[in-house]
Amino acid sequence: MAAYDLEEQEKIDGLKSWWEEYGTLVIIIVTIFVTGISGNKAWKYYQKQQSDQAVELFISLQGVSEAGDHKRIRDAAVLLRDGFPDSGYASRAALISARASIDAKDINNARDQLEWILINTKEKELKYIAQLRLAGLLLDEKKHDEALKQLENEHSEFFDSLYEDLKGDIYADKGDDSEALSAYKMAMSKIDKKETRYKIIQMKIDALNK
């Protein structure tokens, strides 16, 4: 009897060990098999639920943003980032939070939000904007080489003038007037002469030529 009990216990122990190693996989396989027919519908429903919640959070963020409380804006943006990182709302929330943090002189959070966008966003335009704003922060901190490196990253032709204009500001701040003038002239060549920014860049050039 004792030998029987020992044999049964060994079998039980063996089964426990097997289940600890493969049990989760078995559950996943069975679940997929059982729900396979309706899995596509369930996934679409889940995605819609996620999207709806992201929209609600983003609307709340916009309301907080109007109040001008950058800490509450930051917290709302983090909720969207952590809960719905793949949604377009998360990147937009991070951009709003970065702007509010810059205004509030909370540079650390602004940098964190912008760097998050660079790593996570799937929208190139938002990435280009984040690169510009991060380069601007680095310029304010006199980190000229790091700022210029940001502006060397890929961007669309639409952003060429903005990138070159900021390069001019960085070189001017470094005291490299020659490179600054070159960047400003390149920026001007990318926009219409009737644009207000064209005139502003011309004023920068005139100031360097004095």
Foldseek 3Di string as FASTA:
>chain_A
DVVVVVVVVVVVVVVVVVCVVCVVVVVVVVVCVVCVVCVVVVVVVVVVVLVVVLVVLLVVLVVVVVVLPLVVLLVSLVCCCVSPVADPSNLVSLCSSLVSCVVVVVNVSNLVSLVSCCPRPPDQVSVLVSLLVNLVSCLVVLVLVVSLVSLVDDDDLVCQLVSLQVNLVSCVSVVNNVSNLVSLVRSLVSDDCPDPVNVVSVVVNVVSVD
